[in-house]
């Protein structure tokens, strides 16, 4: 099932953009729509992290890329030096850190961290 889904994501979302899907995982949530966190590489070998939404309509799966970031644009935070200063966040959507956000659970943060480590090793 997972390899068929990967082939479908590759064909419908990433091939038209000239990208190669390297890995993906499903984001578990209670909503009817499914979301996947994907790692892809473009023609110039830039690694990109994407959130892809999957909806089933009339027995057909439709996919839509809802968010995307280049790995080089993501910032590493150092957990050793936590002196309660405000973090200098730039180009950041603050809906992701508010409790009402769709992606606000700590588990999602760990999954994103694991994908970033994977992508950095490509």
N, C-alpha and C. Protein backbone atom coordinates (compact mmCIF):
# COMPACT_ATOMS: atom_id res chain seq x y z
N UNK A 1 0.83 -1.20 0.00
CA UNK A 1 0.00 0.00 0.00
C UNK A 1 0.87 1.26 0.00
N UNK A 2 1.90 1.27 0.84
CA UNK A 2 2.74 2.45 0.96
C UNK A 2 3.52 2.73 -0.33
N UNK A 3 3.98 1.68 -1.01
CA UNK A 3 4.71 1.92 -2.26
C UNK A 3 3.78 2.41 -3.36
N UNK A 4 2.52 1.93 -3.37
CA UNK A 4 1.55 2.43 -4.34
C UNK A 4 1.22 3.89 -4.09
N UNK A 5 1.10 4.24 -2.82
CA UNK A 5 0.82 5.63 -2.45
C UNK A 5 2.00 6.52 -2.83
N UNK A 6 3.21 6.03 -2.60
CA UNK A 6 4.41 6.80 -2.96
C UNK A 6 4.46 7.03 -4.47
N UNK A 7 4.14 6.00 -5.25
CA UNK A 7 4.13 6.15 -6.70
C UNK A 7 3.08 7.16 -7.14
N UNK A 8 1.91 7.12 -6.50
CA UNK A 8 0.84 8.05 -6.86
C UNK A 8 1.20 9.49 -6.49
N UNK A 9 1.78 9.68 -5.30
CA UNK A 9 2.24 11.01 -4.91
C UNK A 9 3.29 11.52 -5.87
N UNK A 10 4.23 10.64 -6.23
CA UNK A 10 5.30 11.02 -7.17
C UNK A 10 4.70 11.47 -8.50
N UNK A 11 3.78 10.69 -9.03
CA UNK A 11 3.20 10.95 -10.35
C UNK A 11 2.34 12.22 -10.36
N UNK A 12 1.52 12.41 -9.32
CA UNK A 12 0.56 13.51 -9.33
C UNK A 12 1.10 14.83 -8.78
N UNK A 13 1.99 14.78 -7.80
CA UNK A 13 2.45 16.00 -7.13
C UNK A 13 3.88 16.38 -7.50
N UNK A 14 4.80 15.44 -7.46
CA UNK A 14 6.21 15.79 -7.56
C UNK A 14 6.78 15.75 -8.98
N UNK A 15 6.38 14.81 -9.81
CA UNK A 15 6.90 14.75 -11.18
C UNK A 15 6.59 16.01 -11.98
N UNK A 16 5.34 16.54 -11.93
CA UNK A 16 5.08 17.78 -12.70
C UNK A 16 5.96 18.96 -12.28
N UNK A 17 6.45 18.95 -11.04
CA UNK A 17 7.32 20.03 -10.55
C UNK A 17 8.80 19.73 -10.77
N UNK A 18 9.11 18.57 -11.38
CA UNK A 18 10.49 18.20 -11.61
C UNK A 18 11.21 17.78 -10.35
N UNK A 19 10.47 17.18 -9.40
CA UNK A 19 11.05 16.76 -8.13
C UNK A 19 10.96 15.25 -7.99
N UNK A 20 11.81 14.71 -7.12
CA UNK A 20 11.77 13.30 -6.82
C UNK A 20 11.40 13.13 -5.35
N UNK A 21 10.32 12.40 -5.08
CA UNK A 21 9.89 12.12 -3.72
C UNK A 21 10.83 11.09 -3.12
N UNK A 22 11.48 11.45 -2.02
CA UNK A 22 12.41 10.54 -1.36
C UNK A 22 11.74 9.74 -0.25
N UNK A 23 10.92 10.41 0.55
CA UNK A 23 10.29 9.74 1.70
C UNK A 23 9.04 10.51 2.09
N UNK A 24 8.10 9.82 2.73
CA UNK A 24 6.91 10.47 3.25
C UNK A 24 6.39 9.70 4.45
N UNK A 25 5.67 10.39 5.31
CA UNK A 25 4.97 9.75 6.43
C UNK A 25 3.60 10.40 6.54
N UNK A 26 2.66 9.65 7.10
CA UNK A 26 1.31 10.19 7.28
C UNK A 26 1.23 10.92 8.62
N UNK A 27 0.61 12.08 8.61
CA UNK A 27 0.35 12.82 9.84
C UNK A 27 -0.99 12.33 10.36
N UNK A 28 -1.00 11.72 11.53
CA UNK A 28 -2.22 11.17 12.10
C UNK A 28 -3.02 12.29 12.74
N UNK A 29 -4.29 12.39 12.34
CA UNK A 29 -5.17 13.42 12.87
C UNK A 29 -6.60 12.91 12.85
N UNK A 30 -7.51 13.66 13.45
CA UNK A 30 -8.89 13.22 13.56
C UNK A 30 -9.76 13.67 12.39
N UNK A 31 -9.31 14.61 11.60
CA UNK A 31 -10.09 15.11 10.48
C UNK A 31 -10.24 14.04 9.40
N UNK A 32 -11.22 14.22 8.52
CA UNK A 32 -11.45 13.25 7.45
C UNK A 32 -10.33 13.26 6.42
N UNK A 33 -9.74 14.39 6.19
CA UNK A 33 -8.64 14.48 5.21
C UNK A 33 -7.38 13.87 5.80
N UNK A 34 -6.57 13.27 4.94
CA UNK A 34 -5.27 12.73 5.35
C UNK A 34 -4.21 13.73 4.91
N UNK A 35 -3.14 13.83 5.70
CA UNK A 35 -2.02 14.70 5.36
C UNK A 35 -0.74 13.88 5.44
N UNK A 36 0.19 14.22 4.56
CA UNK A 36 1.49 13.54 4.53
C UNK A 36 2.59 14.58 4.60
N UNK A 37 3.63 14.25 5.35
CA UNK A 37 4.83 15.07 5.42
C UNK A 37 5.83 14.41 4.46
N UNK A 38 6.26 15.15 3.44
CA UNK A 38 7.07 14.58 2.36
C UNK A 38 8.43 15.26 2.26
N UNK A 39 9.43 14.48 1.89
CA UNK A 39 10.76 15.00 1.60
C UNK A 39 11.03 14.74 0.13
N UNK A 40 11.35 15.80 -0.60
CA UNK A 40 11.64 15.66 -2.03
C UNK A 40 12.91 16.42 -2.37
N UNK A 41 13.45 16.11 -3.55
CA UNK A 41 14.67 16.76 -4.04
C UNK A 41 14.36 17.28 -5.43
N UNK A 42 14.74 18.55 -5.70
CA UNK A 42 14.49 19.10 -7.03
C UNK A 42 15.70 18.89 -7.94
N UNK A 43 15.63 19.44 -9.15
CA UNK A 43 16.66 19.23 -10.16
C UNK A 43 18.04 19.71 -9.73
N UNK A 44 18.10 20.75 -8.90
CA UNK A 44 19.40 21.28 -8.46
C UNK A 44 19.79 20.72 -7.10
N UNK A 45 19.18 19.60 -6.71
CA UNK A 45 19.49 18.87 -5.47
C UNK A 45 19.13 19.64 -4.20
N UNK A 46 18.19 20.58 -4.29
CA UNK A 46 17.71 21.27 -3.09
C UNK A 46 16.63 20.41 -2.44
N UNK A 47 16.76 20.18 -1.14
CA UNK A 47 15.82 19.35 -0.40
C UNK A 47 14.63 20.22 0.03
N UNK A 48 13.43 19.67 -0.15
CA UNK A 48 12.22 20.41 0.18
C UNK A 48 11.32 19.54 1.07
N UNK A 49 10.76 20.17 2.10
CA UNK A 49 9.80 19.52 2.99
C UNK A 49 8.41 20.04 2.61
N UNK A 50 7.44 19.13 2.42
CA UNK A 50 6.10 19.54 1.99
C UNK A 50 5.03 18.85 2.83
N UNK A 51 3.91 19.52 3.01
CA UNK A 51 2.71 18.90 3.57
C UNK A 51 1.74 18.73 2.41
N UNK A 52 1.31 17.50 2.19
CA UNK A 52 0.39 17.19 1.10
C UNK A 52 -0.92 16.71 1.69
N UNK A 53 -2.01 17.31 1.24
CA UNK A 53 -3.34 16.95 1.71
C UNK A 53 -3.96 15.97 0.73
N UNK A 54 -4.58 14.90 1.27
CA UNK A 54 -5.22 13.87 0.45
C UNK A 54 -6.71 13.84 0.78
N UNK A 55 -7.52 14.09 -0.23
CA UNK A 55 -8.98 14.01 -0.07
C UNK A 55 -9.51 12.94 -1.01
N UNK A 56 -10.50 12.23 -0.57
CA UNK A 56 -11.13 11.23 -1.43
C UNK A 56 -12.47 11.80 -1.88
N UNK A 57 -12.64 11.96 -3.19
CA UNK A 57 -13.87 12.48 -3.76
C UNK A 57 -14.31 11.59 -4.91
N UNK A 58 -15.54 11.12 -4.86
CA UNK A 58 -16.09 10.25 -5.91
C UNK A 58 -15.20 9.05 -6.18
N UNK A 59 -14.71 8.43 -5.12
CA UNK A 59 -13.85 7.24 -5.18
C UNK A 59 -12.48 7.49 -5.81
N UNK A 60 -12.13 8.75 -5.97
CA UNK A 60 -10.82 9.11 -6.51
C UNK A 60 -10.04 9.89 -5.46
N UNK A 61 -8.76 9.59 -5.36
CA UNK A 61 -7.89 10.34 -4.46
C UNK A 61 -7.41 11.60 -5.16
N UNK A 62 -7.51 12.72 -4.47
CA UNK A 62 -6.94 13.96 -4.97
C UNK A 62 -5.90 14.43 -3.97
N UNK A 63 -4.82 14.99 -4.47
CA UNK A 63 -3.74 15.45 -3.63
C UNK A 63 -3.50 16.93 -3.89
N UNK A 64 -3.14 17.64 -2.82
CA UNK A 64 -2.85 19.07 -2.93
C UNK A 64 -1.72 19.40 -1.97
N UNK A 65 -0.70 20.07 -2.49
CA UNK A 65 0.41 20.51 -1.64
C UNK A 65 -0.05 21.77 -0.91
N UNK A 66 -0.10 21.71 0.43
CA UNK A 66 -0.62 22.84 1.19
C UNK A 66 0.48 23.71 1.80
N UNK A 67 1.62 23.13 2.09
CA UNK A 67 2.75 23.87 2.68
C UNK A 67 4.03 23.32 2.07
N UNK A 68 5.06 24.17 1.98
CA UNK A 68 6.36 23.69 1.54
C UNK A 68 7.47 24.62 2.02
N UNK A 69 8.60 24.01 2.37
CA UNK A 69 9.76 24.75 2.84
C UNK A 69 11.00 24.10 2.26
N UNK A 70 12.00 24.92 1.95
CA UNK A 70 13.31 24.36 1.61
C UNK A 70 14.04 24.06 2.90
N UNK A 71 14.74 22.97 2.93
CA UNK A 71 15.48 22.56 4.13
C UNK A 71 16.48 23.63 4.54
N UNK A 72 17.10 24.30 3.57
CA UNK A 72 18.10 25.32 3.88
C UNK A 72 17.49 26.52 4.61
N UNK A 73 16.17 26.71 4.47
CA UNK A 73 15.50 27.83 5.13
C UNK A 73 15.08 27.52 6.56
N UNK A 74 15.15 26.25 6.95
CA UNK A 74 14.75 25.88 8.31
C UNK A 74 15.92 26.16 9.25
N UNK A 75 15.61 26.58 10.46
CA UNK A 75 16.61 27.02 11.42
C UNK A 75 16.77 25.98 12.52
N UNK A 76 17.99 25.72 12.91
CA UNK A 76 18.28 24.82 14.01
C UNK A 76 18.26 25.60 15.32
N UNK A 77 17.49 25.13 16.30
CA UNK A 77 17.44 25.77 17.61
C UNK A 77 18.28 24.97 18.58
N UNK A 78 19.09 25.63 19.37
CA UNK A 78 19.97 24.99 20.34
C UNK A 78 19.25 24.88 21.68
N UNK A 79 18.98 23.65 22.14
CA UNK A 79 18.27 23.44 23.38
C UNK A 79 19.14 23.57 24.62
N UNK A 80 20.46 23.67 24.46
CA UNK A 80 21.35 23.80 25.61
C UNK A 80 21.27 25.18 26.25
N UNK A 81 21.14 26.19 25.43
CA UNK A 81 21.18 27.56 25.92
C UNK A 81 19.76 28.12 26.00
N UNK A 82 19.02 27.70 27.02
CA UNK A 82 17.63 28.16 27.14
C UNK A 82 17.55 29.18 28.27
N UNK A 83 17.75 30.44 27.94
CA UNK A 83 17.75 31.49 28.96
C UNK A 83 16.45 32.33 28.90
N UNK A 84 15.37 31.75 28.34
CA UNK A 84 14.03 32.39 28.27
C UNK A 84 13.98 33.63 27.41
N UNK A 85 14.98 33.88 26.56
CA UNK A 85 14.90 34.99 25.61
C UNK A 85 13.91 34.63 24.51
N UNK A 86 13.31 35.67 23.91
CA UNK A 86 12.45 35.44 22.76
C UNK A 86 13.31 34.96 21.59
N UNK A 87 12.77 34.02 20.84
CA UNK A 87 13.49 33.52 19.68
C UNK A 87 13.32 34.48 18.51
N UNK A 88 14.37 34.77 17.79
CA UNK A 88 14.25 35.66 16.63
C UNK A 88 13.70 34.89 15.42
N UNK A 89 12.39 34.78 15.34
CA UNK A 89 11.76 34.03 14.26
C UNK A 89 11.50 34.96 13.07
N UNK A 90 11.93 34.51 11.90
CA UNK A 90 11.66 35.27 10.68
C UNK A 90 11.02 34.34 9.67
N UNK A 91 10.15 34.89 8.84
CA UNK A 91 9.46 34.11 7.82
C UNK A 91 8.80 32.86 8.39
N UNK A 92 8.11 33.02 9.50
CA UNK A 92 7.51 31.90 10.20
C UNK A 92 6.02 32.13 10.37
N UNK A 93 5.22 31.13 10.09
CA UNK A 93 3.78 31.21 10.25
C UNK A 93 3.43 30.87 11.70
N UNK A 94 3.02 31.85 12.47
CA UNK A 94 2.79 31.67 13.89
C UNK A 94 1.59 30.78 14.21
N UNK A 95 0.78 30.43 13.22
CA UNK A 95 -0.34 29.52 13.50
C UNK A 95 0.17 28.14 13.90
N UNK A 96 1.42 27.82 13.55
CA UNK A 96 1.96 26.51 13.89
C UNK A 96 2.37 26.39 15.35
N UNK A 97 2.51 27.49 16.07
CA UNK A 97 2.91 27.38 17.47
C UNK A 97 1.79 27.73 18.42
N UNK A 98 0.64 28.11 17.90
CA UNK A 98 -0.52 28.37 18.76
C UNK A 98 -1.23 27.05 19.04
N UNK A 99 -1.84 26.88 20.23
CA UNK A 99 -2.47 25.61 20.59
C UNK A 99 -3.63 25.19 19.69
N UNK A 100 -4.25 26.12 18.98
CA UNK A 100 -5.38 25.77 18.12
C UNK A 100 -4.94 25.27 16.76
N UNK A 101 -3.67 25.24 16.52
CA UNK A 101 -3.14 24.85 15.22
C UNK A 101 -3.38 23.37 14.94
N UNK A 102 -3.52 23.04 13.67
CA UNK A 102 -3.69 21.66 13.23
C UNK A 102 -2.45 20.83 13.55
N UNK A 103 -1.26 21.43 13.46
CA UNK A 103 0.00 20.72 13.67
C UNK A 103 0.65 21.11 14.99
N UNK A 104 -0.10 21.12 16.08
CA UNK A 104 0.45 21.65 17.32
C UNK A 104 0.90 20.59 18.31
N UNK A 105 0.72 19.31 18.04
CA UNK A 105 1.10 18.31 19.02
C UNK A 105 2.60 18.11 19.03
N UNK A 106 3.12 17.70 20.17
CA UNK A 106 4.57 17.49 20.29
C UNK A 106 5.04 16.34 19.41
N UNK A 107 4.18 15.36 19.17
CA UNK A 107 4.54 14.25 18.31
C UNK A 107 4.85 14.71 16.90
N UNK A 108 4.08 15.67 16.40
CA UNK A 108 4.31 16.21 15.05
C UNK A 108 5.68 16.89 14.97
N UNK A 109 6.06 17.57 16.04
CA UNK A 109 7.38 18.22 16.05
C UNK A 109 8.49 17.19 15.97
N UNK A 110 8.34 16.08 16.68
CA UNK A 110 9.36 15.04 16.64
C UNK A 110 9.43 14.40 15.25
N UNK A 111 8.29 14.20 14.63
CA UNK A 111 8.27 13.65 13.28
C UNK A 111 8.98 14.59 12.31
N UNK A 112 8.69 15.88 12.40
CA UNK A 112 9.34 16.85 11.54
C UNK A 112 10.85 16.85 11.77
N UNK A 113 11.26 16.75 13.03
CA UNK A 113 12.68 16.70 13.36
C UNK A 113 13.34 15.48 12.72
N UNK A 114 12.68 14.32 12.79
CA UNK A 114 13.24 13.10 12.19
C UNK A 114 13.36 13.24 10.68
N UNK A 115 12.36 13.85 10.05
CA UNK A 115 12.41 14.03 8.60
C UNK A 115 13.52 15.00 8.22
N UNK A 116 13.72 16.04 9.01
CA UNK A 116 14.81 16.98 8.73
C UNK A 116 16.17 16.29 8.82
N UNK A 117 16.35 15.42 9.84
CA UNK A 117 17.60 14.67 9.94
C UNK A 117 17.79 13.78 8.71
N UNK A 118 16.70 13.13 8.29
CA UNK A 118 16.78 12.27 7.12
C UNK A 118 17.16 13.09 5.88
N UNK A 119 16.47 14.22 5.70
CA UNK A 119 16.71 15.05 4.53
C UNK A 119 18.12 15.62 4.51
N UNK A 120 18.64 15.95 5.68
CA UNK A 120 19.98 16.53 5.76
C UNK A 120 21.04 15.52 5.33
N UNK A 121 20.73 14.23 5.44
CA UNK A 121 21.68 13.19 5.07
C UNK A 121 21.57 12.76 3.62
N UNK A 122 20.67 13.39 2.84
CA UNK A 122 20.53 13.04 1.42
C UNK A 122 21.74 13.47 0.62
